Amino acid sequence: MTTWEYLTAPVLVHNTKAILDNFGRDGWELVQIVPGLNPENLVAYFKRPAA
């Protein structure tokens, strides 16, 4: 059975693609993205198989 590790990270709306690409290169899969505390921030939830 696969076990997972999780990460929660802030994402700035003006640089979303670059930030998400960086996490993807590190093996993180985006699960969900939700609004942050202010309109310029989002919160992203990621997962990847545990090592």
PDB file of N, CA and C in Angstrom:
ATOM      1  N   MET A   1       0.840  -1.182   0.000  1.00  0.00           N
ATOM      2  CA  MET A   1       0.000   0.000   0.000  1.00  0.00           C
ATOM      3  C   MET A   1       0.889   1.250   0.000  1.00  0.00           C
ATOM      4  N   THR A   2       0.526   2.229  -0.779  1.00  0.00           N
ATOM      5  CA  THR A   2       1.282   3.480  -0.850  1.00  0.00           C
ATOM      6  C   THR A   2       0.998   4.334   0.376  1.00  0.00           C
ATOM      7  N   THR A   3       2.053   4.861   0.966  1.00  0.00           N
ATOM      8  CA  THR A   3       1.886   5.854   2.025  1.00  0.00           C
ATOM      9  C   THR A   3       2.265   7.205   1.458  1.00  0.00           C
ATOM     10  N   TRP A   4       1.674   8.257   2.003  1.00  0.00           N
ATOM     11  CA  TRP A   4       1.818   9.596   1.440  1.00  0.00           C
ATOM     12  C   TRP A   4       2.391  10.564   2.462  1.00  0.00           C
ATOM     13  N   GLU A   5       3.082  11.569   1.968  1.00  0.00           N
ATOM     14  CA  GLU A   5       3.427  12.721   2.792  1.00  0.00           C
ATOM     15  C   GLU A   5       2.718  13.923   2.176  1.00  0.00           C
ATOM     16  N   TYR A   6       2.422  14.900   3.014  1.00  0.00           N
ATOM     17  CA  TYR A   6       1.610  16.037   2.589  1.00  0.00           C
ATOM     18  C   TYR A   6       2.329  17.349   2.868  1.00  0.00           C
ATOM     19  N   LEU A   7       1.972  18.362   2.101  1.00  0.00           N
ATOM     20  CA  LEU A   7       2.563  19.686   2.245  1.00  0.00           C
ATOM     21  C   LEU A   7       1.480  20.729   2.009  1.00  0.00           C
ATOM     22  N   THR A   8       1.470  21.749   2.836  1.00  0.00           N
ATOM     23  CA  THR A   8       0.598  22.909   2.658  1.00  0.00           C
ATOM     24  C   THR A   8       1.512  24.101   2.420  1.00  0.00           C
ATOM     25  N   ALA A   9       1.237  24.881   1.373  1.00  0.00           N
ATOM     26  CA  ALA A   9       2.134  25.983   1.032  1.00  0.00           C
ATOM     27  C   ALA A   9       1.350  27.188   0.521  1.00  0.00           C
ATOM     28  N   PRO A  10       1.811  28.400   0.878  1.00  0.00           N
ATOM     29  CA  PRO A  10       1.199  29.600   0.317  1.00  0.00           C
ATOM     30  C   PRO A  10       1.630  29.775  -1.142  1.00  0.00           C
ATOM     31  N   VAL A  11       0.741  30.323  -1.945  1.00  0.00           N
ATOM     32  CA  VAL A  11       1.023  30.573  -3.361  1.00  0.00           C
ATOM     33  C   VAL A  11       0.571  31.997  -3.682  1.00  0.00           C
ATOM     34  N   LEU A  12       1.465  32.798  -4.235  1.00  0.00           N
ATOM     35  CA  LEU A  12       1.111  34.159  -4.641  1.00  0.00           C
ATOM     36  C   LEU A  12       0.410  34.122  -5.991  1.00  0.00           C
ATOM     37  N   VAL A  13      -0.711  34.822  -6.129  1.00  0.00           N
ATOM     38  CA  VAL A  13      -1.497  34.738  -7.358  1.00  0.00           C
ATOM     39  C   VAL A  13      -0.766  35.296  -8.573  1.00  0.00           C
ATOM     40  N   HIS A  14       0.172  36.200  -8.384  1.00  0.00           N
ATOM     41  CA  HIS A  14       0.860  36.779  -9.542  1.00  0.00           C
ATOM     42  C   HIS A  14       1.991  35.892 -10.053  1.00  0.00           C
ATOM     43  N   ASN A  15       2.299  34.790  -9.361  1.00  0.00           N
ATOM     44  CA  ASN A  15       3.395  33.917  -9.776  1.00  0.00           C
ATOM     45  C   ASN A  15       3.005  32.442  -9.647  1.00  0.00           C
ATOM     46  N   THR A  16       1.746  32.142  -9.837  1.00  0.00           N
ATOM     47  CA  THR A  16       1.214  30.808  -9.577  1.00  0.00           C
ATOM     48  C   THR A  16       1.904  29.717 -10.382  1.00  0.00           C
ATOM     49  N   LYS A  17       2.031  29.885 -11.682  1.00  0.00           N
ATOM     50  CA  LYS A  17       2.598  28.832 -12.525  1.00  0.00           C
ATOM     51  C   LYS A  17       4.008  28.461 -12.108  1.00  0.00           C
ATOM     52  N   ALA A  18       4.862  29.431 -11.906  1.00  0.00           N
ATOM     53  CA  ALA A  18       6.254  29.147 -11.531  1.00  0.00           C
ATOM     54  C   ALA A  18       6.326  28.419 -10.190  1.00  0.00           C
ATOM     55  N   ILE A  19       5.510  28.843  -9.239  1.00  0.00           N
ATOM     56  CA  ILE A  19       5.524  28.214  -7.920  1.00  0.00           C
ATOM     57  C   ILE A  19       5.053  26.764  -8.024  1.00  0.00           C
ATOM     58  N   LEU A  20       3.948  26.530  -8.725  1.00  0.00           N
ATOM     59  CA  LEU A  20       3.430  25.169  -8.864  1.00  0.00           C
ATOM     60  C   LEU A  20       4.381  24.287  -9.660  1.00  0.00           C
ATOM     61  N   ASP A  21       5.038  24.834 -10.689  1.00  0.00           N
ATOM     62  CA  ASP A  21       6.029  24.066 -11.450  1.00  0.00           C
ATOM     63  C   ASP A  21       7.181  23.618 -10.557  1.00  0.00           C
ATOM     64  N   ASN A  22       7.625  24.480  -9.655  1.00  0.00           N
ATOM     65  CA  ASN A  22       8.719  24.120  -8.747  1.00  0.00           C
ATOM     66  C   ASN A  22       8.330  22.961  -7.840  1.00  0.00           C
ATOM     67  N   PHE A  23       7.130  23.002  -7.291  1.00  0.00           N
ATOM     68  CA  PHE A  23       6.682  21.892  -6.450  1.00  0.00           C
ATOM     69  C   PHE A  23       6.560  20.610  -7.284  1.00  0.00           C
ATOM     70  N   GLY A  24       6.063  20.718  -8.491  1.00  0.00           N
ATOM     71  CA  GLY A  24       5.939  19.554  -9.365  1.00  0.00           C
ATOM     72  C   GLY A  24       7.280  18.913  -9.675  1.00  0.00           C
ATOM     73  N   ARG A  25       8.308  19.721  -9.892  1.00  0.00           N
ATOM     74  CA  ARG A  25       9.646  19.199 -10.147  1.00  0.00           C
ATOM     75  C   ARG A  25      10.182  18.420  -8.949  1.00  0.00           C
ATOM     76  N   ASP A  26       9.725  18.778  -7.759  1.00  0.00           N
ATOM     77  CA  ASP A  26      10.150  18.076  -6.550  1.00  0.00           C
ATOM     78  C   ASP A  26       9.279  16.856  -6.244  1.00  0.00           C
ATOM     79  N   GLY A  27       8.373  16.522  -7.167  1.00  0.00           N
ATOM     80  CA  GLY A  27       7.561  15.325  -7.018  1.00  0.00           C
ATOM     81  C   GLY A  27       6.234  15.529  -6.315  1.00  0.00           C
ATOM     82  N   TRP A  28       5.878  16.782  -6.005  1.00  0.00           N
ATOM     83  CA  TRP A  28       4.610  17.054  -5.322  1.00  0.00           C
ATOM     84  C   TRP A  28       3.476  17.132  -6.333  1.00  0.00           C
ATOM     85  N   GLU A  29       2.359  16.513  -6.010  1.00  0.00           N
ATOM     86  CA  GLU A  29       1.152  16.571  -6.830  1.00  0.00           C
ATOM     87  C   GLU A  29       0.147  17.506  -6.154  1.00  0.00           C
ATOM     88  N   LEU A  30      -0.361  18.473  -6.905  1.00  0.00           N
ATOM     89  CA  LEU A  30      -1.352  19.403  -6.372  1.00  0.00           C
ATOM     90  C   LEU A  30      -2.667  18.667  -6.140  1.00  0.00           C
ATOM     91  N   VAL A  31      -3.191  18.781  -4.920  1.00  0.00           N
ATOM     92  CA  VAL A  31      -4.454  18.144  -4.564  1.00  0.00           C
ATOM     93  C   VAL A  31      -5.585  19.164  -4.595  1.00  0.00           C
ATOM     94  N   GLN A  32      -5.327  20.341  -4.022  1.00  0.00           N
ATOM     95  CA  GLN A  32      -6.360  21.370  -3.948  1.00  0.00           C
ATOM     96  C   GLN A  32      -5.691  22.721  -3.743  1.00  0.00           C
ATOM     97  N   ILE A  33      -6.365  23.770  -4.216  1.00  0.00           N
ATOM     98  CA  ILE A  33      -5.910  25.131  -3.971  1.00  0.00           C
ATOM     99  C   ILE A  33      -7.124  25.942  -3.512  1.00  0.00           C
ATOM    100  N   VAL A  34      -6.950  26.708  -2.441  1.00  0.00           N
ATOM    101  CA  VAL A  34      -8.067  27.460  -1.848  1.00  0.00           C
ATOM    102  C   VAL A  34      -7.629  28.896  -1.599  1.00  0.00           C
ATOM    103  N   PRO A  35      -8.578  29.817  -1.465  1.00  0.00           N
ATOM    104  CA  PRO A  35      -8.221  31.204  -1.166  1.00  0.00           C
ATOM    105  C   PRO A  35      -7.496  31.320   0.170  1.00  0.00           C
ATOM    106  N   GLY A  36      -6.546  32.258   0.226  1.00  0.00           N
ATOM    107  CA  GLY A  36      -5.823  32.527   1.458  1.00  0.00           C
ATOM    108  C   GLY A  36      -6.519  33.612   2.269  1.00  0.00           C
ATOM    109  N   LEU A  37      -5.777  34.179   3.211  1.00  0.00           N
ATOM    110  CA  LEU A  37      -6.346  35.203   4.081  1.00  0.00           C
ATOM    111  C   LEU A  37      -6.573  36.538   3.392  1.00  0.00           C
ATOM    112  N   ASN A  38      -5.825  36.799   2.315  1.00  0.00           N
ATOM    113  CA  ASN A  38      -6.047  38.024   1.554  1.00  0.00           C
ATOM    114  C   ASN A  38      -6.131  37.678   0.066  1.00  0.00           C
ATOM    115  N   PRO A  39      -6.625  38.595  -0.756  1.00  0.00           N
ATOM    116  CA  PRO A  39      -6.866  38.284  -2.177  1.00  0.00           C
ATOM    117  C   PRO A  39      -5.613  37.971  -2.999  1.00  0.00           C
ATOM    118  N   GLU A  40      -4.435  38.297  -2.492  1.00  0.00           N
ATOM    119  CA  GLU A  40      -3.205  38.055  -3.255  1.00  0.00           C
ATOM    120  C   GLU A  40      -2.573  36.712  -2.951  1.00  0.00           C
ATOM    121  N   ASN A  41      -3.133  35.959  -2.020  1.00  0.00           N
ATOM    122  CA  ASN A  41      -2.567  34.671  -1.626  1.00  0.00           C
ATOM    123  C   ASN A  41      -3.563  33.540  -1.803  1.00  0.00           C
ATOM    124  N   LEU A  42      -3.020  32.395  -2.151  1.00  0.00           N
ATOM    125  CA  LEU A  42      -3.769  31.148  -2.197  1.00  0.00           C
ATOM    126  C   LEU A  42      -3.044  30.163  -1.284  1.00  0.00           C
ATOM    127  N   VAL A  43      -3.719  29.113  -0.894  1.00  0.00           N
ATOM    128  CA  VAL A  43      -3.090  28.047  -0.122  1.00  0.00           C
ATOM    129  C   VAL A  43      -3.221  26.769  -0.937  1.00  0.00           C
ATOM    130  N   ALA A  44      -2.083  26.115  -1.169  1.00  0.00           N
ATOM    131  CA  ALA A  44      -2.058  24.904  -1.973  1.00  0.00           C
ATOM    132  C   ALA A  44      -1.772  23.698  -1.086  1.00  0.00           C
ATOM    133  N   TYR A  45      -2.465  22.603  -1.374  1.00  0.00           N
ATOM    134  CA  TYR A  45      -2.269  21.339  -0.671  1.00  0.00           C
ATOM    135  C   TYR A  45      -1.688  20.337  -1.664  1.00  0.00           C
ATOM    136  N   PHE A  46      -0.579  19.715  -1.285  1.00  0.00           N
ATOM    137  CA  PHE A  46       0.137  18.787  -2.156  1.00  0.00           C
ATOM    138  C   PHE A  46       0.305  17.441  -1.464  1.00  0.00           C
ATOM    139  N   LYS A  47       0.549  16.396  -2.281  1.00  0.00           N
ATOM    140  CA  LYS A  47       0.907  15.086  -1.736  1.00  0.00           C
ATOM    141  C   LYS A  47       1.945  14.464  -2.660  1.00  0.00           C
ATOM    142  N   ARG A  48       2.702  13.514  -2.099  1.00  0.00           N
ATOM    143  CA  ARG A  48       3.610  12.694  -2.888  1.00  0.00           C
ATOM    144  C   ARG A  48       3.866  11.405  -2.105  1.00  0.00           C
ATOM    145  N   PRO A  49       4.249  10.346  -2.802  1.00  0.00           N
ATOM    146  CA  PRO A  49       4.544   9.100  -2.086  1.00  0.00           C
ATOM    147  C   PRO A  49       5.677   9.314  -1.095  1.00  0.00           C
ATOM    148  N   ALA A  50       5.530   8.740   0.090  1.00  0.00           N
ATOM    149  CA  ALA A  50       6.566   8.850   1.112  1.00  0.00           C
ATOM    150  C   ALA A  50       7.773   8.029   0.697  1.00  0.00           C
ATOM    151  N   ALA A  51       8.931   8.522   1.030  1.00  0.00           N
ATOM    152  CA  ALA A  51      10.182   7.825   0.668  1.00  0.00           C
ATOM    153  C   ALA A  51      10.414   6.601   1.520  1.00  0.00           C
TER     154      ALA A  51
END
